[in-house]
């Protein structure tokens, strides 16, 4: 059985992303929109060069994350025990 964890702790989010080969990113077409754009964790090893994601720094990423009052829902392992890169951003309660 796989389980998910939810947090808004910056250090936990950054550590999870880096452990899984992820970097902070924003969907390129939304970067200049009100609210700072749509956040993503980009996994360069698992995508092609034509990605619509624009990598950003952690400070910019977390400013948008906090301004939009988001939480990070993530999974460490799949049900079969394999490493998981599942995550999503949800409204902070």
N, C-alpha and C. Protein backbone atom coordinates (compact mmCIF):
# COMPACT_ATOMS: atom_id res chain seq x y z
N UNK A 1 0.84 -1.18 0.00
CA UNK A 1 0.00 0.00 0.00
C UNK A 1 0.88 1.25 0.00
N UNK A 2 0.54 2.21 -0.82
CA UNK A 2 1.29 3.46 -0.85
C UNK A 2 0.56 4.49 0.02
N UNK A 3 1.33 5.40 0.57
CA UNK A 3 0.74 6.45 1.39
C UNK A 3 1.27 7.79 0.92
N UNK A 4 0.49 8.82 1.12
CA UNK A 4 0.89 10.17 0.76
C UNK A 4 1.07 10.99 2.02
N UNK A 5 1.93 12.00 1.91
CA UNK A 5 2.18 12.93 3.00
C UNK A 5 1.88 14.33 2.50
N UNK A 6 1.47 15.20 3.41
CA UNK A 6 1.14 16.57 3.04
C UNK A 6 1.92 17.52 3.93
N UNK A 7 2.51 18.55 3.31
CA UNK A 7 3.31 19.51 4.08
C UNK A 7 3.37 20.85 3.36
N UNK A 8 3.73 21.88 4.09
CA UNK A 8 4.09 23.16 3.47
C UNK A 8 5.47 23.60 3.98
N UNK A 9 6.20 22.68 4.58
CA UNK A 9 7.54 22.95 5.07
C UNK A 9 8.52 23.00 3.89
N UNK A 10 9.15 24.14 3.70
CA UNK A 10 10.05 24.35 2.56
C UNK A 10 11.20 23.34 2.53
N UNK A 11 11.82 23.09 3.66
CA UNK A 11 12.97 22.18 3.70
C UNK A 11 12.56 20.76 3.31
N UNK A 12 11.39 20.33 3.75
CA UNK A 12 10.89 19.00 3.41
C UNK A 12 10.61 18.88 1.91
N UNK A 13 9.99 19.90 1.35
CA UNK A 13 9.67 19.90 -0.08
C UNK A 13 10.95 19.89 -0.92
N UNK A 14 11.88 20.75 -0.57
CA UNK A 14 13.14 20.83 -1.32
C UNK A 14 13.90 19.52 -1.23
N UNK A 15 13.97 18.93 -0.04
CA UNK A 15 14.68 17.66 0.14
C UNK A 15 14.03 16.55 -0.67
N UNK A 16 12.68 16.48 -0.68
CA UNK A 16 11.98 15.45 -1.45
C UNK A 16 12.29 15.61 -2.93
N UNK A 17 12.19 16.84 -3.43
CA UNK A 17 12.44 17.09 -4.85
C UNK A 17 13.85 16.70 -5.24
N UNK A 18 14.83 17.14 -4.46
CA UNK A 18 16.23 16.85 -4.79
C UNK A 18 16.53 15.36 -4.69
N UNK A 19 15.94 14.69 -3.72
CA UNK A 19 16.14 13.25 -3.55
C UNK A 19 15.61 12.47 -4.76
N UNK A 20 14.58 13.02 -5.41
CA UNK A 20 13.98 12.35 -6.55
C UNK A 20 14.46 12.93 -7.89
N UNK A 21 15.47 13.79 -7.86
CA UNK A 21 16.02 14.36 -9.09
C UNK A 21 15.21 15.50 -9.66
N UNK A 22 14.40 16.15 -8.82
CA UNK A 22 13.55 17.23 -9.27
C UNK A 22 14.11 18.60 -8.99
N UNK A 23 13.67 19.56 -9.79
CA UNK A 23 14.05 20.96 -9.62
C UNK A 23 12.78 21.82 -9.68
N UNK A 24 12.80 23.01 -9.06
CA UNK A 24 11.62 23.87 -9.08
C UNK A 24 11.38 24.44 -10.47
N UNK A 25 10.11 24.52 -10.86
CA UNK A 25 9.76 25.03 -12.18
C UNK A 25 8.38 25.67 -12.16
N UNK A 26 8.15 26.44 -13.21
CA UNK A 26 6.85 27.08 -13.44
C UNK A 26 6.45 26.77 -14.87
N UNK A 27 5.17 26.52 -15.12
CA UNK A 27 4.70 26.32 -16.49
C UNK A 27 4.97 27.63 -17.23
N UNK A 28 5.75 27.54 -18.30
CA UNK A 28 6.28 28.72 -19.00
C UNK A 28 5.20 29.74 -19.39
N UNK A 29 4.10 29.30 -19.95
CA UNK A 29 3.05 30.22 -20.41
C UNK A 29 2.35 30.95 -19.27
N UNK A 30 2.55 30.50 -18.03
CA UNK A 30 1.84 31.10 -16.89
C UNK A 30 2.76 31.94 -16.01
N UNK A 31 4.04 31.99 -16.33
CA UNK A 31 5.03 32.62 -15.45
C UNK A 31 4.72 34.08 -15.12
N UNK A 32 4.12 34.80 -16.05
CA UNK A 32 3.85 36.23 -15.82
C UNK A 32 2.42 36.49 -15.37
N UNK A 33 1.66 35.44 -15.14
CA UNK A 33 0.27 35.62 -14.74
C UNK A 33 0.16 36.03 -13.28
N UNK A 34 -0.99 36.58 -12.94
CA UNK A 34 -1.24 36.95 -11.55
C UNK A 34 -1.17 35.68 -10.71
N UNK A 35 -0.53 35.75 -9.58
CA UNK A 35 -0.38 34.58 -8.72
C UNK A 35 0.96 33.89 -8.89
N UNK A 36 1.76 34.34 -9.87
CA UNK A 36 3.11 33.82 -10.02
C UNK A 36 3.26 32.63 -10.94
N UNK A 37 2.17 32.11 -11.45
CA UNK A 37 2.26 30.99 -12.39
C UNK A 37 1.93 29.65 -11.74
N UNK A 38 1.86 28.64 -12.59
CA UNK A 38 1.55 27.29 -12.14
C UNK A 38 2.85 26.57 -11.78
N UNK A 39 2.95 26.15 -10.54
CA UNK A 39 4.16 25.50 -10.04
C UNK A 39 4.22 24.03 -10.45
N UNK A 40 5.44 23.57 -10.64
CA UNK A 40 5.71 22.16 -10.91
C UNK A 40 7.07 21.81 -10.32
N UNK A 41 7.25 20.53 -10.06
CA UNK A 41 8.58 19.98 -9.80
C UNK A 41 8.96 19.30 -11.11
N UNK A 42 10.05 19.73 -11.70
CA UNK A 42 10.49 19.21 -12.99
C UNK A 42 11.53 18.11 -12.77
N UNK A 43 11.37 17.00 -13.46
CA UNK A 43 12.30 15.88 -13.37
C UNK A 43 13.02 15.77 -14.72
N UNK A 44 14.11 16.51 -14.90
CA UNK A 44 14.79 16.57 -16.21
C UNK A 44 15.16 15.21 -16.79
N UNK A 45 15.50 14.25 -15.96
CA UNK A 45 15.88 12.93 -16.46
C UNK A 45 14.71 12.19 -17.08
N UNK A 46 13.48 12.63 -16.77
CA UNK A 46 12.29 11.93 -17.23
C UNK A 46 11.48 12.74 -18.24
N UNK A 47 12.10 13.75 -18.86
CA UNK A 47 11.36 14.54 -19.84
C UNK A 47 12.26 14.87 -21.02
N UNK A 48 11.62 15.30 -22.10
CA UNK A 48 12.40 15.67 -23.27
C UNK A 48 12.73 17.16 -23.23
N UNK A 49 13.53 17.60 -24.16
CA UNK A 49 14.00 18.98 -24.15
C UNK A 49 12.92 19.98 -24.58
N UNK A 50 11.79 19.50 -25.07
CA UNK A 50 10.73 20.40 -25.51
C UNK A 50 9.72 20.68 -24.41
N UNK A 51 10.12 20.52 -23.19
CA UNK A 51 9.23 20.73 -22.05
C UNK A 51 8.70 22.15 -22.03
N UNK A 52 7.46 22.31 -21.54
CA UNK A 52 6.87 23.64 -21.41
C UNK A 52 7.15 24.24 -20.04
N UNK A 53 8.09 23.65 -19.31
CA UNK A 53 8.42 24.13 -17.97
C UNK A 53 9.64 25.03 -18.01
N UNK A 54 9.60 26.06 -17.18
CA UNK A 54 10.72 26.98 -17.04
C UNK A 54 11.28 26.78 -15.63
N UNK A 55 12.53 26.31 -15.55
CA UNK A 55 13.13 26.12 -14.24
C UNK A 55 13.30 27.47 -13.56
N UNK A 56 13.16 27.46 -12.23
CA UNK A 56 13.27 28.68 -11.44
C UNK A 56 14.09 28.38 -10.19
N UNK A 57 14.34 29.39 -9.40
CA UNK A 57 15.08 29.16 -8.15
C UNK A 57 14.08 28.86 -7.03
N UNK A 58 14.61 28.28 -5.95
CA UNK A 58 13.74 27.89 -4.84
C UNK A 58 13.07 29.09 -4.18
N UNK A 59 13.75 30.22 -4.10
CA UNK A 59 13.15 31.40 -3.45
C UNK A 59 11.90 31.86 -4.20
N UNK A 60 11.99 31.94 -5.52
CA UNK A 60 10.84 32.34 -6.34
C UNK A 60 9.73 31.29 -6.24
N UNK A 61 10.10 30.03 -6.31
CA UNK A 61 9.15 28.94 -6.20
C UNK A 61 8.37 29.03 -4.89
N UNK A 62 9.10 29.17 -3.77
CA UNK A 62 8.43 29.19 -2.47
C UNK A 62 7.64 30.47 -2.22
N UNK A 63 8.02 31.57 -2.85
CA UNK A 63 7.22 32.79 -2.72
C UNK A 63 5.84 32.56 -3.36
N UNK A 64 5.84 31.99 -4.55
CA UNK A 64 4.57 31.68 -5.22
C UNK A 64 3.78 30.65 -4.42
N UNK A 65 4.47 29.64 -3.92
CA UNK A 65 3.86 28.58 -3.11
C UNK A 65 3.15 29.18 -1.89
N UNK A 66 3.85 30.05 -1.16
CA UNK A 66 3.27 30.65 0.05
C UNK A 66 2.19 31.69 -0.28
N UNK A 67 2.43 32.50 -1.31
CA UNK A 67 1.44 33.51 -1.69
C UNK A 67 0.10 32.88 -2.06
N UNK A 68 0.15 31.68 -2.61
CA UNK A 68 -1.07 30.98 -3.02
C UNK A 68 -1.59 30.01 -1.96
N UNK A 69 -0.94 30.02 -0.79
CA UNK A 69 -1.36 29.20 0.36
C UNK A 69 -1.54 27.72 -0.05
N UNK A 70 -0.45 27.16 -0.59
CA UNK A 70 -0.49 25.78 -1.06
C UNK A 70 0.17 24.83 -0.07
N UNK A 71 -0.21 23.58 -0.16
CA UNK A 71 0.46 22.47 0.51
C UNK A 71 0.99 21.54 -0.58
N UNK A 72 1.97 20.75 -0.22
CA UNK A 72 2.60 19.80 -1.14
C UNK A 72 2.21 18.40 -0.69
N UNK A 73 1.48 17.70 -1.53
CA UNK A 73 1.07 16.33 -1.28
C UNK A 73 2.00 15.44 -2.10
N UNK A 74 2.68 14.51 -1.44
CA UNK A 74 3.67 13.70 -2.15
C UNK A 74 3.70 12.26 -1.66
N UNK A 75 4.30 11.43 -2.47
CA UNK A 75 4.41 10.01 -2.18
C UNK A 75 5.88 9.63 -2.31
N UNK A 76 6.39 8.87 -1.34
CA UNK A 76 7.79 8.42 -1.39
C UNK A 76 7.95 7.13 -2.18
N UNK A 77 7.03 6.20 -1.97
CA UNK A 77 7.12 4.88 -2.60
C UNK A 77 5.76 4.50 -3.20
N UNK A 78 5.80 3.77 -4.31
CA UNK A 78 4.59 3.22 -4.90
C UNK A 78 4.17 1.99 -4.09
N UNK A 79 3.00 1.48 -4.38
CA UNK A 79 2.49 0.30 -3.65
C UNK A 79 3.43 -0.89 -3.77
N UNK A 80 4.16 -0.99 -4.89
CA UNK A 80 5.08 -2.11 -5.09
C UNK A 80 6.46 -1.87 -4.47
N UNK A 81 6.62 -0.71 -3.79
CA UNK A 81 7.88 -0.40 -3.13
C UNK A 81 8.85 0.41 -3.98
N UNK A 82 8.53 0.58 -5.25
CA UNK A 82 9.39 1.35 -6.15
C UNK A 82 9.30 2.84 -5.80
N UNK A 83 10.40 3.59 -6.03
CA UNK A 83 10.43 5.02 -5.76
C UNK A 83 9.34 5.72 -6.57
N UNK A 84 8.69 6.69 -5.96
CA UNK A 84 7.61 7.42 -6.61
C UNK A 84 7.96 8.89 -6.77
N UNK A 85 7.54 9.47 -7.88
CA UNK A 85 7.67 10.91 -8.08
C UNK A 85 6.29 11.57 -8.11
N UNK A 86 5.29 10.88 -7.56
CA UNK A 86 3.95 11.45 -7.51
C UNK A 86 3.91 12.62 -6.53
N UNK A 87 3.31 13.71 -6.97
CA UNK A 87 3.07 14.87 -6.09
C UNK A 87 1.94 15.69 -6.71
N UNK A 88 1.37 16.55 -5.91
CA UNK A 88 0.48 17.58 -6.43
C UNK A 88 0.39 18.68 -5.39
N UNK A 89 -0.01 19.84 -5.86
CA UNK A 89 -0.19 20.99 -4.98
C UNK A 89 -1.67 21.10 -4.67
N UNK A 90 -1.97 21.30 -3.40
CA UNK A 90 -3.36 21.41 -2.95
C UNK A 90 -3.50 22.65 -2.09
N UNK A 91 -4.72 23.12 -1.95
CA UNK A 91 -5.00 24.28 -1.11
C UNK A 91 -4.67 23.95 0.35
N UNK A 92 -3.99 24.86 1.00
CA UNK A 92 -3.64 24.68 2.41
C UNK A 92 -4.91 24.84 3.24
N UNK A 93 -5.08 23.95 4.19
CA UNK A 93 -6.28 24.01 5.04
C UNK A 93 -6.07 24.90 6.23
